[in-house]
Amino acid sequence: MMTTWLRFSAACRSPLGSGVGSELRRPLGITIVGGLILSQILTLYTTPVVYLAFGLLAHRFTFRIGNPIDEPAPGD
């Protein structure tokens, strides 16, 4: 998050700036800032969801091996 914030704060000068040549740099700056925001949102929300999904799948497909001492003998 710190590196994204640093890049975001550095890239904000380009779309917000005014002066000679700023109209050429503005679309690139908007694209960079939008990409940083989108990638940060995707990272913060999709990574835990995928992690939880794989955890549920692993829990679903684990075979439970019971303790033979706790099982009743056949015919009891």
PDB file of N, CA and C in Angstrom:
ATOM      1  N   MET A   1       0.822  -1.179   0.000  1.00  0.00           N
ATOM      2  CA  MET A   1       0.000   0.000   0.000  1.00  0.00           C
ATOM      3  C   MET A   1       0.875   1.256   0.000  1.00  0.00           C
ATOM      4  N   MET A   2       2.012   1.162   0.649  1.00  0.00           N
ATOM      5  CA  MET A   2       2.879   2.347   0.704  1.00  0.00           C
ATOM      6  C   MET A   2       3.474   2.654  -0.666  1.00  0.00           C
ATOM      7  N   THR A   3       3.865   1.621  -1.402  1.00  0.00           N
ATOM      8  CA  THR A   3       4.433   1.874  -2.727  1.00  0.00           C
ATOM      9  C   THR A   3       3.364   2.397  -3.681  1.00  0.00           C
ATOM     10  N   THR A   4       2.139   1.879  -3.558  1.00  0.00           N
ATOM     11  CA  THR A   4       1.058   2.375  -4.404  1.00  0.00           C
ATOM     12  C   THR A   4       0.748   3.827  -4.079  1.00  0.00           C
ATOM     13  N   TRP A   5       0.730   4.167  -2.784  1.00  0.00           N
ATOM     14  CA  TRP A   5       0.460   5.551  -2.397  1.00  0.00           C
ATOM     15  C   TRP A   5       1.568   6.476  -2.916  1.00  0.00           C
ATOM     16  N   LEU A   6       2.806   6.027  -2.849  1.00  0.00           N
ATOM     17  CA  LEU A   6       3.920   6.840  -3.338  1.00  0.00           C
ATOM     18  C   LEU A   6       3.799   7.072  -4.837  1.00  0.00           C
ATOM     19  N   ARG A   7       3.523   6.000  -5.573  1.00  0.00           N
ATOM     20  CA  ARG A   7       3.372   6.146  -7.018  1.00  0.00           C
ATOM     21  C   ARG A   7       2.169   7.012  -7.359  1.00  0.00           C
ATOM     22  N   PHE A   8       1.083   6.837  -6.604  1.00  0.00           N
ATOM     23  CA  PHE A   8      -0.119   7.636  -6.836  1.00  0.00           C
ATOM     24  C   PHE A   8       0.163   9.120  -6.606  1.00  0.00           C
ATOM     25  N   SER A   9       0.845   9.427  -5.505  1.00  0.00           N
ATOM     26  CA  SER A   9       1.137  10.833  -5.218  1.00  0.00           C
ATOM     27  C   SER A   9       2.110  11.428  -6.234  1.00  0.00           C
ATOM     28  N   ALA A  10       3.005  10.629  -6.750  1.00  0.00           N
ATOM     29  CA  ALA A  10       3.930  11.131  -7.770  1.00  0.00           C
ATOM     30  C   ALA A  10       3.232  11.296  -9.123  1.00  0.00           C
ATOM     31  N   ALA A  11       2.276  10.402  -9.398  1.00  0.00           N
ATOM     32  CA  ALA A  11       1.610  10.467 -10.703  1.00  0.00           C
ATOM     33  C   ALA A  11       0.490  11.488 -10.732  1.00  0.00           C
ATOM     34  N   CYS A  12       0.043  11.978  -9.599  1.00  0.00           N
ATOM     35  CA  CYS A  12      -1.053  12.956  -9.567  1.00  0.00           C
ATOM     36  C   CYS A  12      -0.642  14.302 -10.153  1.00  0.00           C
ATOM     37  N   ARG A  13       0.623  14.571 -10.181  1.00  0.00           N
ATOM     38  CA  ARG A  13       1.064  15.851 -10.748  1.00  0.00           C
ATOM     39  C   ARG A  13       0.773  15.920 -12.233  1.00  0.00           C
ATOM     40  N   SER A  14       0.857  14.796 -12.915  1.00  0.00           N
ATOM     41  CA  SER A  14       0.683  14.801 -14.363  1.00  0.00           C
ATOM     42  C   SER A  14      -0.743  15.128 -14.798  1.00  0.00           C
ATOM     43  N   PRO A  15      -1.793  14.464 -14.268  1.00  0.00           N
ATOM     44  CA  PRO A  15      -3.136  14.840 -14.733  1.00  0.00           C
ATOM     45  C   PRO A  15      -3.644  16.152 -14.153  1.00  0.00           C
ATOM     46  N   LEU A  16      -3.087  16.597 -13.045  1.00  0.00           N
ATOM     47  CA  LEU A  16      -3.559  17.832 -12.424  1.00  0.00           C
ATOM     48  C   LEU A  16      -2.734  19.059 -12.817  1.00  0.00           C
ATOM     49  N   GLY A  17      -1.627  18.821 -13.477  1.00  0.00           N
ATOM     50  CA  GLY A  17      -0.719  19.917 -13.793  1.00  0.00           C
ATOM     51  C   GLY A  17      -1.226  20.808 -14.912  1.00  0.00           C
ATOM     52  N   SER A  18      -0.679  21.986 -14.938  1.00  0.00           N
ATOM     53  CA  SER A  18      -0.982  22.921 -16.021  1.00  0.00           C
ATOM     54  C   SER A  18       0.330  23.526 -16.487  1.00  0.00           C
ATOM     55  N   GLY A  19       0.345  23.923 -17.681  1.00  0.00           N
ATOM     56  CA  GLY A  19       1.562  24.511 -18.226  1.00  0.00           C
ATOM     57  C   GLY A  19       1.805  24.014 -19.635  1.00  0.00           C
ATOM     58  N   VAL A  20       3.004  24.291 -20.110  1.00  0.00           N
ATOM     59  CA  VAL A  20       3.350  23.927 -21.473  1.00  0.00           C
ATOM     60  C   VAL A  20       3.459  22.407 -21.578  1.00  0.00           C
ATOM     61  N   GLY A  21       2.720  21.824 -22.500  1.00  0.00           N
ATOM     62  CA  GLY A  21       2.790  20.390 -22.745  1.00  0.00           C
ATOM     63  C   GLY A  21       1.953  19.542 -21.801  1.00  0.00           C
ATOM     64  N   SER A  22       1.212  20.159 -20.901  1.00  0.00           N
ATOM     65  CA  SER A  22       0.438  19.361 -19.950  1.00  0.00           C
ATOM     66  C   SER A  22      -0.716  18.636 -20.627  1.00  0.00           C
ATOM     67  N   GLU A  23      -1.221  19.177 -21.739  1.00  0.00           N
ATOM     68  CA  GLU A  23      -2.322  18.506 -22.431  1.00  0.00           C
ATOM     69  C   GLU A  23      -1.867  17.190 -23.069  1.00  0.00           C
ATOM     70  N   LEU A  24      -0.581  17.044 -23.296  1.00  0.00           N
ATOM     71  CA  LEU A  24      -0.062  15.784 -23.843  1.00  0.00           C
ATOM     72  C   LEU A  24       0.179  14.745 -22.747  1.00  0.00           C
ATOM     73  N   ARG A  25       0.514  15.200 -21.562  1.00  0.00           N
ATOM     74  CA  ARG A  25       0.806  14.270 -20.464  1.00  0.00           C
ATOM     75  C   ARG A  25      -0.426  13.882 -19.656  1.00  0.00           C
ATOM     76  N   ARG A  26      -1.502  14.634 -19.766  1.00  0.00           N
ATOM     77  CA  ARG A  26      -2.699  14.393 -18.958  1.00  0.00           C
ATOM     78  C   ARG A  26      -3.325  13.016 -19.195  1.00  0.00           C
ATOM     79  N   PRO A  27      -3.523  12.539 -20.440  1.00  0.00           N
ATOM     80  CA  PRO A  27      -4.121  11.208 -20.624  1.00  0.00           C
ATOM     81  C   PRO A  27      -3.271  10.083 -20.029  1.00  0.00           C
ATOM     82  N   LEU A  28      -1.970  10.203 -20.150  1.00  0.00           N
ATOM     83  CA  LEU A  28      -1.094   9.190 -19.566  1.00  0.00           C
ATOM     84  C   LEU A  28      -1.182   9.213 -18.041  1.00  0.00           C
ATOM     85  N   GLY A  29      -1.233  10.383 -17.458  1.00  0.00           N
ATOM     86  CA  GLY A  29      -1.349  10.489 -16.006  1.00  0.00           C
ATOM     87  C   GLY A  29      -2.656   9.925 -15.488  1.00  0.00           C
ATOM     88  N   ILE A  30      -3.752  10.194 -16.204  1.00  0.00           N
ATOM     89  CA  ILE A  30      -5.050   9.643 -15.803  1.00  0.00           C
ATOM     90  C   ILE A  30      -5.040   8.129 -15.901  1.00  0.00           C
ATOM     91  N   THR A  31      -4.419   7.600 -16.938  1.00  0.00           N
ATOM     92  CA  THR A  31      -4.325   6.152 -17.097  1.00  0.00           C
ATOM     93  C   THR A  31      -3.500   5.528 -15.989  1.00  0.00           C
ATOM     94  N   ILE A  32      -2.393   6.136 -15.626  1.00  0.00           N
ATOM     95  CA  ILE A  32      -1.538   5.606 -14.567  1.00  0.00           C
ATOM     96  C   ILE A  32      -2.273   5.617 -13.231  1.00  0.00           C
ATOM     97  N   VAL A  33      -2.919   6.718 -12.909  1.00  0.00           N
ATOM     98  CA  VAL A  33      -3.638   6.823 -11.629  1.00  0.00           C
ATOM     99  C   VAL A  33      -4.801   5.826 -11.597  1.00  0.00           C
ATOM    100  N   GLY A  34      -5.561   5.722 -12.672  1.00  0.00           N
ATOM    101  CA  GLY A  34      -6.662   4.755 -12.728  1.00  0.00           C
ATOM    102  C   GLY A  34      -6.185   3.322 -12.602  1.00  0.00           C
ATOM    103  N   GLY A  35      -5.079   3.002 -13.246  1.00  0.00           N
ATOM    104  CA  GLY A  35      -4.525   1.654 -13.140  1.00  0.00           C
ATOM    105  C   GLY A  35      -4.035   1.337 -11.741  1.00  0.00           C
ATOM    106  N   LEU A  36      -3.435   2.302 -11.079  1.00  0.00           N
ATOM    107  CA  LEU A  36      -2.995   2.095  -9.695  1.00  0.00           C
ATOM    108  C   LEU A  36      -4.164   1.860  -8.758  1.00  0.00           C
ATOM    109  N   ILE A  37      -5.219   2.645  -8.919  1.00  0.00           N
ATOM    110  CA  ILE A  37      -6.399   2.476  -8.062  1.00  0.00           C
ATOM    111  C   ILE A  37      -7.053   1.128  -8.325  1.00  0.00           C
ATOM    112  N   LEU A  38      -7.226   0.761  -9.593  1.00  0.00           N
ATOM    113  CA  LEU A  38      -7.853  -0.513  -9.930  1.00  0.00           C
ATOM    114  C   LEU A  38      -7.039  -1.696  -9.434  1.00  0.00           C
ATOM    115  N   SER A  39      -5.733  -1.655  -9.623  1.00  0.00           N
ATOM    116  CA  SER A  39      -4.902  -2.778  -9.185  1.00  0.00           C
ATOM    117  C   SER A  39      -4.888  -2.903  -7.671  1.00  0.00           C
ATOM    118  N   GLN A  40      -4.925  -1.790  -6.960  1.00  0.00           N
ATOM    119  CA  GLN A  40      -4.952  -1.839  -5.499  1.00  0.00           C
ATOM    120  C   GLN A  40      -6.269  -2.429  -5.007  1.00  0.00           C
ATOM    121  N   ILE A  41      -7.372  -2.025  -5.610  1.00  0.00           N
ATOM    122  CA  ILE A  41      -8.676  -2.570  -5.222  1.00  0.00           C
ATOM    123  C   ILE A  41      -8.741  -4.066  -5.512  1.00  0.00           C
ATOM    124  N   LEU A  42      -8.285  -4.476  -6.680  1.00  0.00           N
ATOM    125  CA  LEU A  42      -8.301  -5.894  -7.014  1.00  0.00           C
ATOM    126  C   LEU A  42      -7.414  -6.705  -6.074  1.00  0.00           C
ATOM    127  N   THR A  43      -6.268  -6.163  -5.728  1.00  0.00           N
ATOM    128  CA  THR A  43      -5.363  -6.877  -4.833  1.00  0.00           C
ATOM    129  C   THR A  43      -5.956  -7.007  -3.446  1.00  0.00           C
ATOM    130  N   LEU A  44      -6.556  -5.956  -2.941  1.00  0.00           N
ATOM    131  CA  LEU A  44      -7.079  -5.982  -1.572  1.00  0.00           C
ATOM    132  C   LEU A  44      -8.329  -6.829  -1.435  1.00  0.00           C
ATOM    133  N   TYR A  45      -9.113  -6.976  -2.499  1.00  0.00           N
ATOM    134  CA  TYR A  45     -10.360  -7.727  -2.387  1.00  0.00           C
ATOM    135  C   TYR A  45     -10.299  -9.127  -2.969  1.00  0.00           C
ATOM    136  N   THR A  46      -9.611  -9.321  -4.092  1.00  0.00           N
ATOM    137  CA  THR A  46      -9.632 -10.650  -4.704  1.00  0.00           C
ATOM    138  C   THR A  46      -8.676 -11.621  -4.045  1.00  0.00           C
ATOM    139  N   THR A  47      -7.561 -11.162  -3.531  1.00  0.00           N
ATOM    140  CA  THR A  47      -6.608 -12.080  -2.909  1.00  0.00           C
ATOM    141  C   THR A  47      -7.203 -12.798  -1.707  1.00  0.00           C
ATOM    142  N   PRO A  48      -7.851 -12.123  -0.753  1.00  0.00           N
ATOM    143  CA  PRO A  48      -8.462 -12.868   0.355  1.00  0.00           C
ATOM    144  C   PRO A  48      -9.601 -13.776  -0.088  1.00  0.00           C
ATOM    145  N   VAL A  49     -10.359 -13.368  -1.097  1.00  0.00           N
ATOM    146  CA  VAL A  49     -11.466 -14.199  -1.564  1.00  0.00           C
ATOM    147  C   VAL A  49     -10.947 -15.485  -2.188  1.00  0.00           C
ATOM    148  N   VAL A  50      -9.926 -15.395  -2.993  1.00  0.00           N
ATOM    149  CA  VAL A  50      -9.335 -16.591  -3.603  1.00  0.00           C
ATOM    150  C   VAL A  50      -8.712 -17.480  -2.528  1.00  0.00           C
ATOM    151  N   TYR A  51      -8.062 -16.873  -1.558  1.00  0.00           N
ATOM    152  CA  TYR A  51      -7.463 -17.633  -0.460  1.00  0.00           C
ATOM    153  C   TYR A  51      -8.537 -18.386   0.311  1.00  0.00           C
ATOM    154  N   LEU A  52      -9.646 -17.738   0.616  1.00  0.00           N
ATOM    155  CA  LEU A  52     -10.733 -18.406   1.330  1.00  0.00           C
ATOM    156  C   LEU A  52     -11.376 -19.499   0.484  1.00  0.00           C
ATOM    157  N   ALA A  53     -11.519 -19.262  -0.801  1.00  0.00           N
ATOM    158  CA  ALA A  53     -12.103 -20.275  -1.681  1.00  0.00           C
ATOM    159  C   ALA A  53     -11.238 -21.527  -1.729  1.00  0.00           C
ATOM    160  N   PHE A  54      -9.934 -21.358  -1.844  1.00  0.00           N
ATOM    161  CA  PHE A  54      -9.058 -22.528  -1.846  1.00  0.00           C
ATOM    162  C   PHE A  54      -9.066 -23.231  -0.492  1.00  0.00           C
ATOM    163  N   GLY A  55      -9.202 -22.469   0.591  1.00  0.00           N
ATOM    164  CA  GLY A  55      -9.297 -23.076   1.912  1.00  0.00           C
ATOM    165  C   GLY A  55     -10.553 -23.911   2.058  1.00  0.00           C
ATOM    166  N   LEU A  56     -11.682 -23.400   1.541  1.00  0.00           N
ATOM    167  CA  LEU A  56     -12.926 -24.170   1.583  1.00  0.00           C
ATOM    168  C   LEU A  56     -12.852 -25.420   0.711  1.00  0.00           C
ATOM    169  N   LEU A  57     -12.222 -25.298  -0.450  1.00  0.00           N
ATOM    170  CA  LEU A  57     -12.050 -26.481  -1.297  1.00  0.00           C
ATOM    171  C   LEU A  57     -11.160 -27.517  -0.635  1.00  0.00           C
ATOM    172  N   ALA A  58     -10.108 -27.079  -0.003  1.00  0.00           N
ATOM    173  CA  ALA A  58      -9.216 -28.013   0.682  1.00  0.00           C
ATOM    174  C   ALA A  58      -9.941 -28.688   1.841  1.00  0.00           C
ATOM    175  N   HIS A  59     -10.749 -27.926   2.555  1.00  0.00           N
ATOM    176  CA  HIS A  59     -11.519 -28.504   3.667  1.00  0.00           C
ATOM    177  C   HIS A  59     -12.566 -29.491   3.160  1.00  0.00           C
ATOM    178  N   ARG A  60     -13.146 -29.194   2.005  1.00  0.00           N
ATOM    179  CA  ARG A  60     -14.183 -30.068   1.455  1.00  0.00           C
ATOM    180  C   ARG A  60     -13.616 -31.395   0.972  1.00  0.00           C
ATOM    181  N   PHE A  61     -12.423 -31.383   0.430  1.00  0.00           N
ATOM    182  CA  PHE A  61     -11.859 -32.590  -0.151  1.00  0.00           C
ATOM    183  C   PHE A  61     -10.881 -33.322   0.754  1.00  0.00           C
ATOM    184  N   THR A  62     -10.774 -32.907   1.989  1.00  0.00           N
ATOM    185  CA  THR A  62      -9.914 -33.648   2.912  1.00  0.00           C
ATOM    186  C   THR A  62     -10.665 -34.885   3.374  1.00  0.00           C
ATOM    187  N   PHE A  63      -9.958 -35.982   3.373  1.00  0.00           N
ATOM    188  CA  PHE A  63     -10.536 -37.231   3.839  1.00  0.00           C
ATOM    189  C   PHE A  63     -10.261 -37.351   5.321  1.00  0.00           C
ATOM    190  N   ARG A  64     -11.302 -37.617   6.046  1.00  0.00           N
ATOM    191  CA  ARG A  64     -11.152 -37.760   7.490  1.00  0.00           C
ATOM    192  C   ARG A  64     -10.887 -39.221   7.806  1.00  0.00           C
ATOM    193  N   ILE A  65      -9.763 -39.451   8.392  1.00  0.00           N
ATOM    194  CA  ILE A  65      -9.399 -40.808   8.802  1.00  0.00           C
ATOM    195  C   ILE A  65      -9.649 -40.893  10.293  1.00  0.00           C
ATOM    196  N   GLY A  66     -10.570 -41.741  10.652  1.00  0.00           N
ATOM    197  CA  GLY A  66     -10.928 -41.857  12.058  1.00  0.00           C
ATOM    198  C   GLY A  66      -9.899 -42.675  12.826  1.00  0.00           C
ATOM    199  N   ASN A  67      -9.946 -42.553  14.130  1.00  0.00           N
ATOM    200  CA  ASN A  67      -9.069 -43.317  15.000  1.00  0.00           C
ATOM    201  C   ASN A  67      -9.664 -44.722  15.143  1.00  0.00           C
ATOM    202  N   PRO A  68      -8.909 -45.797  14.826  1.00  0.00           N
ATOM    203  CA  PRO A  68      -9.472 -47.157  14.902  1.00  0.00           C
ATOM    204  C   PRO A  68      -9.857 -47.570  16.316  1.00  0.00           C
ATOM    205  N   ILE A  69      -9.310 -46.941  17.302  1.00  0.00           N
ATOM    206  CA  ILE A  69      -9.644 -47.311  18.680  1.00  0.00           C
ATOM    207  C   ILE A  69     -11.046 -46.791  19.035  1.00  0.00           C
ATOM    208  N   ASP A  70     -11.429 -45.642  18.493  1.00  0.00           N
ATOM    209  CA  ASP A  70     -12.717 -45.052  18.815  1.00  0.00           C
ATOM    210  C   ASP A  70     -13.868 -45.713  18.070  1.00  0.00           C
ATOM    211  N   GLU A  71     -13.586 -46.429  16.999  1.00  0.00           N
ATOM    212  CA  GLU A  71     -14.650 -47.036  16.199  1.00  0.00           C
ATOM    213  C   GLU A  71     -15.143 -48.308  16.864  1.00  0.00           C
ATOM    214  N   PRO A  72     -16.436 -48.519  16.860  1.00  0.00           N
ATOM    215  CA  PRO A  72     -16.938 -49.780  17.428  1.00  0.00           C
ATOM    216  C   PRO A  72     -16.580 -50.968  16.541  1.00  0.00           C
ATOM    217  N   ALA A  73     -16.468 -52.097  17.143  1.00  0.00           N
ATOM    218  CA  ALA A  73     -16.145 -53.320  16.401  1.00  0.00           C
ATOM    219  C   ALA A  73     -17.352 -53.734  15.581  1.00  0.00           C
ATOM    220  N   PRO A  74     -17.135 -54.361  14.424  1.00  0.00           N
ATOM    221  CA  PRO A  74     -18.267 -54.795  13.608  1.00  0.00           C
ATOM    222  C   PRO A  74     -19.142 -55.807  14.398  1.00  0.00           C
ATOM    223  N   GLY A  75     -20.424 -55.640  14.313  1.00  0.00           N
ATOM    224  CA  GLY A  75     -21.345 -56.548  14.989  1.00  0.00           C
ATOM    225  C   GLY A  75     -21.752 -56.046  16.363  1.00  0.00           C
ATOM    226  N   ASP A  76     -21.204 -54.975  16.851  1.00  0.00           N
ATOM    227  CA  ASP A  76     -21.596 -54.464  18.170  1.00  0.00           C
ATOM    228  C   ASP A  76     -22.800 -53.595  18.078  1.00  0.00           C
TER     229      ASP A  76
END
